[in-house]
Amino acid sequence: MAVNLYDSAYALETAIRQSDEYTHLKQAYSEVNADPASKQMFDGFRQIQMNLQQKQMMGQDISEQEIQQAQSTVALVQQNPKIAHLMQAEQRMSMIIGELNKVIMKPLEDLYGQM
């Protein structure tokens, strides 16, 4: 019996979208976006995050000043209850995606051994 992996992947996507974790993440994101001050703070935080990730991917060094700016921005956004709630929901969703990835990669691990 042939299995269409894409059908399974789309079914998993649907399950993720229907999960409590995704629903909570979506709600938390909506709450941040509904508050202009929270949205502006969160957008600034995300921009700093993306800039640092881009530098890392390009093999560029991140300066001490950039690290300090990122740390102070994280501390600031975590004081905002709406953003803190969103970050917690993101972390829970990320953990689930990581666990799902382990399940998906299990056949290759069984075949090749621990990677």
PDB file of N, CA and C in Angstrom:
ATOM      1  N   MET A   1       0.843  -1.178   0.000  1.00  0.00           N
ATOM      2  CA  MET A   1       0.000   0.000   0.000  1.00  0.00           C
ATOM      3  C   MET A   1       0.888   1.240   0.000  1.00  0.00           C
ATOM      4  N   ALA A   2       0.733   2.070  -1.006  1.00  0.00           N
ATOM      5  CA  ALA A   2       1.521   3.301  -1.127  1.00  0.00           C
ATOM      6  C   ALA A   2       0.925   4.377  -0.216  1.00  0.00           C
ATOM      7  N   VAL A   3       1.813   5.099   0.422  1.00  0.00           N
ATOM      8  CA  VAL A   3       1.409   6.183   1.318  1.00  0.00           C
ATOM      9  C   VAL A   3       1.836   7.496   0.690  1.00  0.00           C
ATOM     10  N   ASN A   4       0.921   8.429   0.615  1.00  0.00           N
ATOM     11  CA  ASN A   4       1.253   9.753   0.115  1.00  0.00           C
ATOM     12  C   ASN A   4       1.672  10.605   1.315  1.00  0.00           C
ATOM     13  N   LEU A   5       2.965  10.852   1.426  1.00  0.00           N
ATOM     14  CA  LEU A   5       3.487  11.594   2.567  1.00  0.00           C
ATOM     15  C   LEU A   5       2.947  13.021   2.622  1.00  0.00           C
ATOM     16  N   TYR A   6       2.671  13.594   1.469  1.00  0.00           N
ATOM     17  CA  TYR A   6       2.143  14.964   1.444  1.00  0.00           C
ATOM     18  C   TYR A   6       0.744  15.032   2.056  1.00  0.00           C
ATOM     19  N   ASP A   7      -0.059  13.996   1.820  1.00  0.00           N
ATOM     20  CA  ASP A   7      -1.377  13.961   2.458  1.00  0.00           C
ATOM     21  C   ASP A   7      -1.228  13.928   3.982  1.00  0.00           C
ATOM     22  N   SER A   8      -0.270  13.143   4.446  1.00  0.00           N
ATOM     23  CA  SER A   8      -0.018  13.074   5.885  1.00  0.00           C
ATOM     24  C   SER A   8       0.486  14.410   6.419  1.00  0.00           C
ATOM     25  N   ALA A   9       1.336  15.065   5.660  1.00  0.00           N
ATOM     26  CA  ALA A   9       1.862  16.366   6.082  1.00  0.00           C
ATOM     27  C   ALA A   9       0.745  17.405   6.169  1.00  0.00           C
ATOM     28  N   TYR A  10      -0.147  17.404   5.181  1.00  0.00           N
ATOM     29  CA  TYR A  10      -1.270  18.358   5.213  1.00  0.00           C
ATOM     30  C   TYR A  10      -2.232  18.037   6.352  1.00  0.00           C
ATOM     31  N   ALA A  11      -2.399  16.755   6.657  1.00  0.00           N
ATOM     32  CA  ALA A  11      -3.229  16.373   7.800  1.00  0.00           C
ATOM     33  C   ALA A  11      -2.590  16.864   9.100  1.00  0.00           C
ATOM     34  N   LEU A  12      -1.267  16.784   9.186  1.00  0.00           N
ATOM     35  CA  LEU A  12      -0.561  17.279  10.363  1.00  0.00           C
ATOM     36  C   LEU A  12      -0.712  18.794  10.469  1.00  0.00           C
ATOM     37  N   GLU A  13      -0.618  19.479   9.343  1.00  0.00           N
ATOM     38  CA  GLU A  13      -0.831  20.938   9.350  1.00  0.00           C
ATOM     39  C   GLU A  13      -2.210  21.274   9.908  1.00  0.00           C
ATOM     40  N   THR A  14      -3.220  20.563   9.457  1.00  0.00           N
ATOM     41  CA  THR A  14      -4.587  20.793   9.937  1.00  0.00           C
ATOM     42  C   THR A  14      -4.675  20.528  11.436  1.00  0.00           C
ATOM     43  N   ALA A  15      -4.051  19.460  11.891  1.00  0.00           N
ATOM     44  CA  ALA A  15      -4.064  19.131  13.320  1.00  0.00           C
ATOM     45  C   ALA A  15      -3.379  20.218  14.135  1.00  0.00           C
ATOM     46  N   ILE A  16      -2.284  20.749  13.637  1.00  0.00           N
ATOM     47  CA  ILE A  16      -1.577  21.829  14.335  1.00  0.00           C
ATOM     48  C   ILE A  16      -2.489  23.048  14.432  1.00  0.00           C
ATOM     49  N   ARG A  17      -3.120  23.412  13.324  1.00  0.00           N
ATOM     50  CA  ARG A  17      -4.010  24.581  13.311  1.00  0.00           C
ATOM     51  C   ARG A  17      -5.198  24.409  14.255  1.00  0.00           C
ATOM     52  N   GLN A  18      -5.601  23.176  14.517  1.00  0.00           N
ATOM     53  CA  GLN A  18      -6.739  22.917  15.392  1.00  0.00           C
ATOM     54  C   GLN A  18      -6.323  22.675  16.841  1.00  0.00           C
ATOM     55  N   SER A  19      -5.028  22.669  17.107  1.00  0.00           N
ATOM     56  CA  SER A  19      -4.548  22.376  18.460  1.00  0.00           C
ATOM     57  C   SER A  19      -4.786  23.550  19.405  1.00  0.00           C
ATOM     58  N   ASP A  20      -4.891  23.232  20.682  1.00  0.00           N
ATOM     59  CA  ASP A  20      -5.042  24.268  21.711  1.00  0.00           C
ATOM     60  C   ASP A  20      -3.842  25.198  21.717  1.00  0.00           C
ATOM     61  N   GLU A  21      -2.654  24.639  21.528  1.00  0.00           N
ATOM     62  CA  GLU A  21      -1.436  25.447  21.557  1.00  0.00           C
ATOM     63  C   GLU A  21      -1.440  26.497  20.452  1.00  0.00           C
ATOM     64  N   TYR A  22      -1.852  26.099  19.252  1.00  0.00           N
ATOM     65  CA  TYR A  22      -1.908  27.049  18.147  1.00  0.00           C
ATOM     66  C   TYR A  22      -2.998  28.092  18.394  1.00  0.00           C
ATOM     67  N   THR A  23      -4.135  27.654  18.907  1.00  0.00           N
ATOM     68  CA  THR A  23      -5.219  28.581  19.217  1.00  0.00           C
ATOM     69  C   THR A  23      -4.759  29.620  20.232  1.00  0.00           C
ATOM     70  N   HIS A  24      -4.040  29.193  21.262  1.00  0.00           N
ATOM     71  CA  HIS A  24      -3.519  30.125  22.273  1.00  0.00           C
ATOM     72  C   HIS A  24      -2.495  31.079  21.658  1.00  0.00           C
ATOM     73  N   LEU A  25      -1.630  30.556  20.809  1.00  0.00           N
ATOM     74  CA  LEU A  25      -0.629  31.395  20.144  1.00  0.00           C
ATOM     75  C   LEU A  25      -1.308  32.453  19.277  1.00  0.00           C
ATOM     76  N   LYS A  26      -2.275  32.035  18.523  1.00  0.00           N
ATOM     77  CA  LYS A  26      -2.999  32.953  17.636  1.00  0.00           C
ATOM     78  C   LYS A  26      -3.701  34.045  18.445  1.00  0.00           C
ATOM     79  N   GLN A  27      -4.323  33.663  19.556  1.00  0.00           N
ATOM     80  CA  GLN A  27      -5.010  34.628  20.417  1.00  0.00           C
ATOM     81  C   GLN A  27      -4.015  35.612  21.028  1.00  0.00           C
ATOM     82  N   ALA A  28      -2.898  35.111  21.520  1.00  0.00           N
ATOM     83  CA  ALA A  28      -1.876  35.982  22.124  1.00  0.00           C
ATOM     84  C   ALA A  28      -1.320  36.951  21.089  1.00  0.00           C
ATOM     85  N   TYR A  29      -1.124  36.484  19.873  1.00  0.00           N
ATOM     86  CA  TYR A  29      -0.619  37.338  18.802  1.00  0.00           C
ATOM     87  C   TYR A  29      -1.635  38.429  18.458  1.00  0.00           C
ATOM     88  N   SER A  30      -2.906  38.065  18.436  1.00  0.00           N
ATOM     89  CA  SER A  30      -3.965  39.038  18.174  1.00  0.00           C
ATOM     90  C   SER A  30      -4.009  40.113  19.257  1.00  0.00           C
ATOM     91  N   GLU A  31      -3.815  39.702  20.508  1.00  0.00           N
ATOM     92  CA  GLU A  31      -3.840  40.656  21.624  1.00  0.00           C
ATOM     93  C   GLU A  31      -2.685  41.644  21.513  1.00  0.00           C
ATOM     94  N   VAL A  32      -1.523  41.185  21.137  1.00  0.00           N
ATOM     95  CA  VAL A  32      -0.374  42.085  20.956  1.00  0.00           C
ATOM     96  C   VAL A  32      -0.649  43.048  19.807  1.00  0.00           C
ATOM     97  N   ASN A  33      -1.166  42.539  18.698  1.00  0.00           N
ATOM     98  CA  ASN A  33      -1.427  43.380  17.537  1.00  0.00           C
ATOM     99  C   ASN A  33      -2.549  44.389  17.771  1.00  0.00           C
ATOM    100  N   ALA A  34      -3.453  44.093  18.690  1.00  0.00           N
ATOM    101  CA  ALA A  34      -4.568  44.998  18.975  1.00  0.00           C
ATOM    102  C   ALA A  34      -4.140  46.189  19.833  1.00  0.00           C
ATOM    103  N   ASP A  35      -2.980  46.084  20.472  1.00  0.00           N
ATOM    104  CA  ASP A  35      -2.476  47.156  21.330  1.00  0.00           C
ATOM    105  C   ASP A  35      -1.302  47.837  20.614  1.00  0.00           C
ATOM    106  N   PRO A  36      -1.489  49.077  20.139  1.00  0.00           N
ATOM    107  CA  PRO A  36      -0.439  49.727  19.338  1.00  0.00           C
ATOM    108  C   PRO A  36       0.932  49.787  20.030  1.00  0.00           C
ATOM    109  N   ALA A  37       0.961  50.056  21.332  1.00  0.00           N
ATOM    110  CA  ALA A  37       2.247  50.142  22.035  1.00  0.00           C
ATOM    111  C   ALA A  37       2.921  48.767  22.090  1.00  0.00           C
ATOM    112  N   SER A  38       2.146  47.739  22.382  1.00  0.00           N
ATOM    113  CA  SER A  38       2.695  46.376  22.425  1.00  0.00           C
ATOM    114  C   SER A  38       3.160  45.942  21.050  1.00  0.00           C
ATOM    115  N   LYS A  39       2.365  46.258  20.032  1.00  0.00           N
ATOM    116  CA  LYS A  39       2.729  45.871  18.662  1.00  0.00           C
ATOM    117  C   LYS A  39       4.033  46.536  18.242  1.00  0.00           C
ATOM    118  N   GLN A  40       4.169  47.820  18.532  1.00  0.00           N
ATOM    119  CA  GLN A  40       5.391  48.526  18.156  1.00  0.00           C
ATOM    120  C   GLN A  40       6.605  47.940  18.876  1.00  0.00           C
ATOM    121  N   MET A  41       6.449  47.654  20.159  1.00  0.00           N
ATOM    122  CA  MET A  41       7.539  47.076  20.941  1.00  0.00           C
ATOM    123  C   MET A  41       7.900  45.691  20.409  1.00  0.00           C
ATOM    124  N   PHE A  42       6.889  44.882  20.113  1.00  0.00           N
ATOM    125  CA  PHE A  42       7.124  43.532  19.622  1.00  0.00           C
ATOM    126  C   PHE A  42       7.767  43.556  18.242  1.00  0.00           C
ATOM    127  N   ASP A  43       7.288  44.447  17.371  1.00  0.00           N
ATOM    128  CA  ASP A  43       7.872  44.559  16.032  1.00  0.00           C
ATOM    129  C   ASP A  43       9.349  44.954  16.105  1.00  0.00           C
ATOM    130  N   GLY A  44       9.680  45.867  17.014  1.00  0.00           N
ATOM    131  CA  GLY A  44      11.080  46.253  17.197  1.00  0.00           C
ATOM    132  C   GLY A  44      11.924  45.092  17.679  1.00  0.00           C
ATOM    133  N   PHE A  45      11.387  44.326  18.608  1.00  0.00           N
ATOM    134  CA  PHE A  45      12.065  43.141  19.125  1.00  0.00           C
ATOM    135  C   PHE A  45      12.305  42.132  18.009  1.00  0.00           C
ATOM    136  N   ARG A  46      11.281  41.878  17.190  1.00  0.00           N
ATOM    137  CA  ARG A  46      11.408  40.915  16.098  1.00  0.00           C
ATOM    138  C   ARG A  46      12.436  41.373  15.065  1.00  0.00           C
ATOM    139  N   GLN A  47      12.490  42.672  14.815  1.00  0.00           N
ATOM    140  CA  GLN A  47      13.451  43.208  13.856  1.00  0.00           C
ATOM    141  C   GLN A  47      14.880  42.980  14.347  1.00  0.00           C
ATOM    142  N   ILE A  48      15.118  43.246  15.616  1.00  0.00           N
ATOM    143  CA  ILE A  48      16.446  43.002  16.196  1.00  0.00           C
ATOM    144  C   ILE A  48      16.789  41.518  16.092  1.00  0.00           C
ATOM    145  N   GLN A  49      15.829  40.678  16.418  1.00  0.00           N
ATOM    146  CA  GLN A  49      16.017  39.228  16.356  1.00  0.00           C
ATOM    147  C   GLN A  49      16.385  38.783  14.932  1.00  0.00           C
ATOM    148  N   MET A  50      15.637  39.260  13.958  1.00  0.00           N
ATOM    149  CA  MET A  50      15.901  38.869  12.562  1.00  0.00           C
ATOM    150  C   MET A  50      17.253  39.379  12.087  1.00  0.00           C
ATOM    151  N   ASN A  51      17.618  40.595  12.479  1.00  0.00           N
ATOM    152  CA  ASN A  51      18.924  41.135  12.075  1.00  0.00           C
ATOM    153  C   ASN A  51      20.064  40.282  12.622  1.00  0.00           C
ATOM    154  N   LEU A  52      19.953  39.885  13.889  1.00  0.00           N
ATOM    155  CA  LEU A  52      21.006  39.060  14.496  1.00  0.00           C
ATOM    156  C   LEU A  52      21.070  37.677  13.840  1.00  0.00           C
ATOM    157  N   GLN A  53      19.911  37.094  13.556  1.00  0.00           N
ATOM    158  CA  GLN A  53      19.893  35.785  12.899  1.00  0.00           C
ATOM    159  C   GLN A  53      20.495  35.866  11.503  1.00  0.00           C
ATOM    160  N   GLN A  54      20.199  36.941  10.798  1.00  0.00           N
ATOM    161  CA  GLN A  54      20.740  37.114   9.449  1.00  0.00           C
ATOM    162  C   GLN A  54      22.264  37.239   9.500  1.00  0.00           C
ATOM    163  N   LYS A  55      22.771  38.006  10.472  1.00  0.00           N
ATOM    164  CA  LYS A  55      24.224  38.142  10.605  1.00  0.00           C
ATOM    165  C   LYS A  55      24.861  36.781  10.904  1.00  0.00           C
ATOM    166  N   GLN A  56      24.227  36.005  11.786  1.00  0.00           N
ATOM    167  CA  GLN A  56      24.758  34.682  12.119  1.00  0.00           C
ATOM    168  C   GLN A  56      24.794  33.786  10.888  1.00  0.00           C
ATOM    169  N   MET A  57      23.712  33.797  10.117  1.00  0.00           N
ATOM    170  CA  MET A  57      23.634  32.944   8.934  1.00  0.00           C
ATOM    171  C   MET A  57      24.673  33.339   7.893  1.00  0.00           C
ATOM    172  N   MET A  58      25.055  34.617   7.864  1.00  0.00           N
ATOM    173  CA  MET A  58      26.051  35.084   6.910  1.00  0.00           C
ATOM    174  C   MET A  58      27.470  34.943   7.461  1.00  0.00           C
ATOM    175  N   GLY A  59      27.584  34.421   8.684  1.00  0.00           N
ATOM    176  CA  GLY A  59      28.893  34.225   9.286  1.00  0.00           C
ATOM    177  C   GLY A  59      29.533  35.493   9.808  1.00  0.00           C
ATOM    178  N   GLN A  60      28.736  36.535   9.984  1.00  0.00           N
ATOM    179  CA  GLN A  60      29.264  37.798  10.489  1.00  0.00           C
ATOM    180  C   GLN A  60      29.277  37.785  12.014  1.00  0.00           C
ATOM    181  N   ASP A  61      30.246  38.482  12.577  1.00  0.00           N
ATOM    182  CA  ASP A  61      30.325  38.599  14.026  1.00  0.00           C
ATOM    183  C   ASP A  61      29.245  39.545  14.538  1.00  0.00           C
ATOM    184  N   ILE A  62      28.746  39.221  15.718  1.00  0.00           N
ATOM    185  CA  ILE A  62      27.777  40.085  16.388  1.00  0.00           C
ATOM    186  C   ILE A  62      28.534  40.843  17.463  1.00  0.00           C
ATOM    187  N   SER A  63      28.422  42.159  17.424  1.00  0.00           N
ATOM    188  CA  SER A  63      29.185  43.000  18.341  1.00  0.00           C
ATOM    189  C   SER A  63      28.620  42.922  19.759  1.00  0.00           C
ATOM    190  N   GLU A  64      29.444  43.277  20.705  1.00  0.00           N
ATOM    191  CA  GLU A  64      29.018  43.317  22.098  1.00  0.00           C
ATOM    192  C   GLU A  64      27.864  44.300  22.271  1.00  0.00           C
ATOM    193  N   GLN A  65      27.914  45.391  21.536  1.00  0.00           N
ATOM    194  CA  GLN A  65      26.847  46.397  21.606  1.00  0.00           C
ATOM    195  C   GLN A  65      25.519  45.801  21.116  1.00  0.00           C
ATOM    196  N   GLU A  66      25.571  45.026  20.037  1.00  0.00           N
ATOM    197  CA  GLU A  66      24.354  44.392  19.523  1.00  0.00           C
ATOM    198  C   GLU A  66      23.804  43.374  20.514  1.00  0.00           C
ATOM    199  N   ILE A  67      24.680  42.650  21.168  1.00  0.00           N
ATOM    200  CA  ILE A  67      24.259  41.675  22.169  1.00  0.00           C
ATOM    201  C   ILE A  67      23.589  42.386  23.337  1.00  0.00           C
ATOM    202  N   GLN A  68      24.204  43.467  23.793  1.00  0.00           N
ATOM    203  CA  GLN A  68      23.625  44.223  24.906  1.00  0.00           C
ATOM    204  C   GLN A  68      22.277  44.826  24.525  1.00  0.00           C
ATOM    205  N   GLN A  69      22.173  45.340  23.292  1.00  0.00           N
ATOM    206  CA  GLN A  69      20.906  45.906  22.830  1.00  0.00           C
ATOM    207  C   GLN A  69      19.828  44.824  22.795  1.00  0.00           C
ATOM    208  N   ALA A  70      20.182  43.663  22.311  1.00  0.00           N
ATOM    209  CA  ALA A  70      19.219  42.562  22.244  1.00  0.00           C
ATOM    210  C   ALA A  70      18.781  42.144  23.647  1.00  0.00           C
ATOM    211  N   GLN A  71      19.730  42.047  24.571  1.00  0.00           N
ATOM    212  CA  GLN A  71      19.405  41.647  25.934  1.00  0.00           C
ATOM    213  C   GLN A  71      18.500  42.672  26.618  1.00  0.00           C
ATOM    214  N   SER A  72      18.789  43.949  26.418  1.00  0.00           N
ATOM    215  CA  SER A  72      17.950  44.976  27.048  1.00  0.00           C
ATOM    216  C   SER A  72      16.567  45.001  26.413  1.00  0.00           C
ATOM    217  N   THR A  73      16.478  44.736  25.118  1.00  0.00           N
ATOM    218  CA  THR A  73      15.176  44.688  24.447  1.00  0.00           C
ATOM    219  C   THR A  73      14.361  43.503  24.948  1.00  0.00           C
ATOM    220  N   VAL A  74      15.006  42.359  25.120  1.00  0.00           N
ATOM    221  CA  VAL A  74      14.317  41.177  25.658  1.00  0.00           C
ATOM    222  C   VAL A  74      13.779  41.483  27.051  1.00  0.00           C
ATOM    223  N   ALA A  75      14.603  42.091  27.885  1.00  0.00           N
ATOM    224  CA  ALA A  75      14.166  42.428  29.242  1.00  0.00           C
ATOM    225  C   ALA A  75      12.976  43.379  29.204  1.00  0.00           C
ATOM    226  N   LEU A  76      12.998  44.316  28.292  1.00  0.00           N
ATOM    227  CA  LEU A  76      11.917  45.297  28.173  1.00  0.00           C
ATOM    228  C   LEU A  76      10.627  44.630  27.695  1.00  0.00           C
ATOM    229  N   VAL A  77      10.697  43.826  26.648  1.00  0.00           N
ATOM    230  CA  VAL A  77       9.475  43.218  26.122  1.00  0.00           C
ATOM    231  C   VAL A  77       8.881  42.204  27.097  1.00  0.00           C
ATOM    232  N   GLN A  78       9.718  41.566  27.897  1.00  0.00           N
ATOM    233  CA  GLN A  78       9.209  40.594  28.854  1.00  0.00           C
ATOM    234  C   GLN A  78       8.427  41.260  29.985  1.00  0.00           C
ATOM    235  N   GLN A  79       8.611  42.552  30.149  1.00  0.00           N
ATOM    236  CA  GLN A  79       7.851  43.284  31.169  1.00  0.00           C
ATOM    237  C   GLN A  79       6.441  43.602  30.683  1.00  0.00           C
ATOM    238  N   ASN A  80       6.222  43.508  29.384  1.00  0.00           N
ATOM    239  CA  ASN A  80       4.896  43.740  28.822  1.00  0.00           C
ATOM    240  C   ASN A  80       4.109  42.430  28.933  1.00  0.00           C
ATOM    241  N   PRO A  81       3.016  42.405  29.715  1.00  0.00           N
ATOM    242  CA  PRO A  81       2.291  41.138  29.932  1.00  0.00           C
ATOM    243  C   PRO A  81       1.772  40.493  28.649  1.00  0.00           C
ATOM    244  N   LYS A  82       1.333  41.295  27.697  1.00  0.00           N
ATOM    245  CA  LYS A  82       0.813  40.737  26.446  1.00  0.00           C
ATOM    246  C   LYS A  82       1.923  40.069  25.650  1.00  0.00           C
ATOM    247  N   ILE A  83       3.070  40.723  25.589  1.00  0.00           N
ATOM    248  CA  ILE A  83       4.200  40.151  24.844  1.00  0.00           C
ATOM    249  C   ILE A  83       4.757  38.939  25.580  1.00  0.00           C
ATOM    250  N   ALA A  84       4.831  39.015  26.894  1.00  0.00           N
ATOM    251  CA  ALA A  84       5.317  37.876  27.683  1.00  0.00           C
ATOM    252  C   ALA A  84       4.418  36.662  27.454  1.00  0.00           C
ATOM    253  N   HIS A  85       3.109  36.888  27.423  1.00  0.00           N
ATOM    254  CA  HIS A  85       2.166  35.802  27.168  1.00  0.00           C
ATOM    255  C   HIS A  85       2.379  35.228  25.771  1.00  0.00           C
ATOM    256  N   LEU A  86       2.581  36.105  24.780  1.00  0.00           N
ATOM    257  CA  LEU A  86       2.847  35.657  23.412  1.00  0.00           C
ATOM    258  C   LEU A  86       4.135  34.840  23.344  1.00  0.00           C
ATOM    259  N   MET A  87       5.167  35.304  24.010  1.00  0.00           N
ATOM    260  CA  MET A  87       6.448  34.585  23.985  1.00  0.00           C
ATOM    261  C   MET A  87       6.320  33.208  24.638  1.00  0.00           C
ATOM    262  N   GLN A  88       5.529  33.104  25.694  1.00  0.00           N
ATOM    263  CA  GLN A  88       5.300  31.802  26.322  1.00  0.00           C
ATOM    264  C   GLN A  88       4.551  30.872  25.371  1.00  0.00           C
ATOM    265  N   ALA A  89       3.542  31.424  24.675  1.00  0.00           N
ATOM    266  CA  ALA A  89       2.787  30.615  23.714  1.00  0.00           C
ATOM    267  C   ALA A  89       3.678  30.183  22.550  1.00  0.00           C
ATOM    268  N   GLU A  90       4.560  31.082  22.098  1.00  0.00           N
ATOM    269  CA  GLU A  90       5.514  30.727  21.031  1.00  0.00           C
ATOM    270  C   GLU A  90       6.434  29.601  21.481  1.00  0.00           C
ATOM    271  N   GLN A  91       6.893  29.692  22.725  1.00  0.00           N
ATOM    272  CA  GLN A  91       7.800  28.667  23.247  1.00  0.00           C
ATOM    273  C   GLN A  91       7.111  27.306  23.316  1.00  0.00           C
ATOM    274  N   ARG A  92       5.853  27.281  23.777  1.00  0.00           N
ATOM    275  CA  ARG A  92       5.116  26.011  23.823  1.00  0.00           C
ATOM    276  C   ARG A  92       4.940  25.434  22.413  1.00  0.00           C
ATOM    277  N   MET A  93       4.596  26.293  21.454  1.00  0.00           N
ATOM    278  CA  MET A  93       4.406  25.826  20.074  1.00  0.00           C
ATOM    279  C   MET A  93       5.728  25.324  19.501  1.00  0.00           C
ATOM    280  N   SER A  94       6.808  26.008  19.800  1.00  0.00           N
ATOM    281  CA  SER A  94       8.121  25.599  19.324  1.00  0.00           C
ATOM    282  C   SER A  94       8.520  24.233  19.898  1.00  0.00           C
ATOM    283  N   MET A  95       8.202  24.011  21.165  1.00  0.00           N
ATOM    284  CA  MET A  95       8.506  22.714  21.777  1.00  0.00           C
ATOM    285  C   MET A  95       7.733  21.598  21.082  1.00  0.00           C
ATOM    286  N   ILE A  96       6.476  21.847  20.768  1.00  0.00           N
ATOM    287  CA  ILE A  96       5.665  20.838  20.092  1.00  0.00           C
ATOM    288  C   ILE A  96       6.216  20.557  18.699  1.00  0.00           C
ATOM    289  N   ILE A  97       6.573  21.609  17.963  1.00  0.00           N
ATOM    290  CA  ILE A  97       7.143  21.425  16.626  1.00  0.00           C
ATOM    291  C   ILE A  97       8.439  20.608  16.729  1.00  0.00           C
ATOM    292  N   GLY A  98       9.252  20.894  17.740  1.00  0.00           N
ATOM    293  CA  GLY A  98      10.484  20.127  17.953  1.00  0.00           C
ATOM    294  C   GLY A  98      10.202  18.656  18.223  1.00  0.00           C
ATOM    295  N   GLU A  99       9.181  18.400  19.044  1.00  0.00           N
ATOM    296  CA  GLU A  99       8.817  17.012  19.340  1.00  0.00           C
ATOM    297  C   GLU A  99       8.272  16.312  18.101  1.00  0.00           C
ATOM    298  N   LEU A 100       7.475  17.029  17.319  1.00  0.00           N
ATOM    299  CA  LEU A 100       6.963  16.456  16.074  1.00  0.00           C
ATOM    300  C   LEU A 100       8.104  16.152  15.110  1.00  0.00           C
ATOM    301  N   ASN A 101       9.079  17.035  15.062  1.00  0.00           N
ATOM    302  CA  ASN A 101      10.242  16.813  14.194  1.00  0.00           C
ATOM    303  C   ASN A 101      10.986  15.542  14.594  1.00  0.00           C
ATOM    304  N   LYS A 102      11.096  15.301  15.891  1.00  0.00           N
ATOM    305  CA  LYS A 102      11.751  14.068  16.348  1.00  0.00           C
ATOM    306  C   LYS A 102      10.990  12.844  15.861  1.00  0.00           C
ATOM    307  N   VAL A 103       9.655  12.900  15.936  1.00  0.00           N
ATOM    308  CA  VAL A 103       8.831  11.784  15.478  1.00  0.00           C
ATOM    309  C   VAL A 103       9.020  11.579  13.973  1.00  0.00           C
ATOM    310  N   ILE A 104       9.025  12.687  13.224  1.00  0.00           N
ATOM    311  CA  ILE A 104       9.170  12.616  11.771  1.00  0.00           C
ATOM    312  C   ILE A 104      10.539  12.048  11.382  1.00  0.00           C
ATOM    313  N   MET A 105      11.569  12.402  12.123  1.00  0.00           N
ATOM    314  CA  MET A 105      12.927  11.966  11.801  1.00  0.00           C
ATOM    315  C   MET A 105      13.243  10.555  12.315  1.00  0.00           C
ATOM    316  N   LYS A 106      12.349   9.968  13.097  1.00  0.00           N
ATOM    317  CA  LYS A 106      12.586   8.650  13.700  1.00  0.00           C
ATOM    318  C   LYS A 106      12.934   7.572  12.677  1.00  0.00           C
ATOM    319  N   PRO A 107      12.252   7.480  11.544  1.00  0.00           N
ATOM    320  CA  PRO A 107      12.639   6.431  10.584  1.00  0.00           C
ATOM    321  C   PRO A 107      14.082   6.569  10.094  1.00  0.00           C
ATOM    322  N   LEU A 108      14.541   7.808   9.888  1.00  0.00           N
ATOM    323  CA  LEU A 108      15.926   8.001   9.447  1.00  0.00           C
ATOM    324  C   LEU A 108      16.909   7.678  10.557  1.00  0.00           C
ATOM    325  N   GLU A 109      16.550   8.016  11.787  1.00  0.00           N
ATOM    326  CA  GLU A 109      17.414   7.655  12.914  1.00  0.00           C
ATOM    327  C   GLU A 109      17.511   6.142  13.052  1.00  0.00           C
ATOM    328  N   ASP A 110      16.367   5.468  12.886  1.00  0.00           N
ATOM    329  CA  ASP A 110      16.386   4.007  12.955  1.00  0.00           C
ATOM    330  C   ASP A 110      17.242   3.401  11.851  1.00  0.00           C
ATOM    331  N   LEU A 111      17.193   4.031  10.680  1.00  0.00           N
ATOM    332  CA  LEU A 111      17.957   3.526   9.548  1.00  0.00           C
ATOM    333  C   LEU A 111      19.451   3.788   9.678  1.00  0.00           C
ATOM    334  N   TYR A 112      19.794   5.023  10.012  1.00  0.00           N
ATOM    335  CA  TYR A 112      21.201   5.433  10.044  1.00  0.00           C
ATOM    336  C   TYR A 112      21.804   5.490  11.439  1.00  0.00           C
ATOM    337  N   GLY A 113      20.994   5.376  12.450  1.00  0.00           N
ATOM    338  CA  GLY A 113      21.482   5.549  13.817  1.00  0.00           C
ATOM    339  C   GLY A 113      21.314   7.003  14.234  1.00  0.00           C
ATOM    340  N   GLN A 114      21.625   7.291  15.472  1.00  0.00           N
ATOM    341  CA  GLN A 114      21.484   8.651  15.993  1.00  0.00           C
ATOM    342  C   GLN A 114      22.281   9.620  15.141  1.00  0.00           C
ATOM    343  N   MET A 115      21.660  10.724  14.774  1.00  0.00           N
ATOM    344  CA  MET A 115      22.358  11.740  13.968  1.00  0.00           C
ATOM    345  C   MET A 115      22.870  12.830  14.859  1.00  0.00           C
TER     346      MET A 115
END
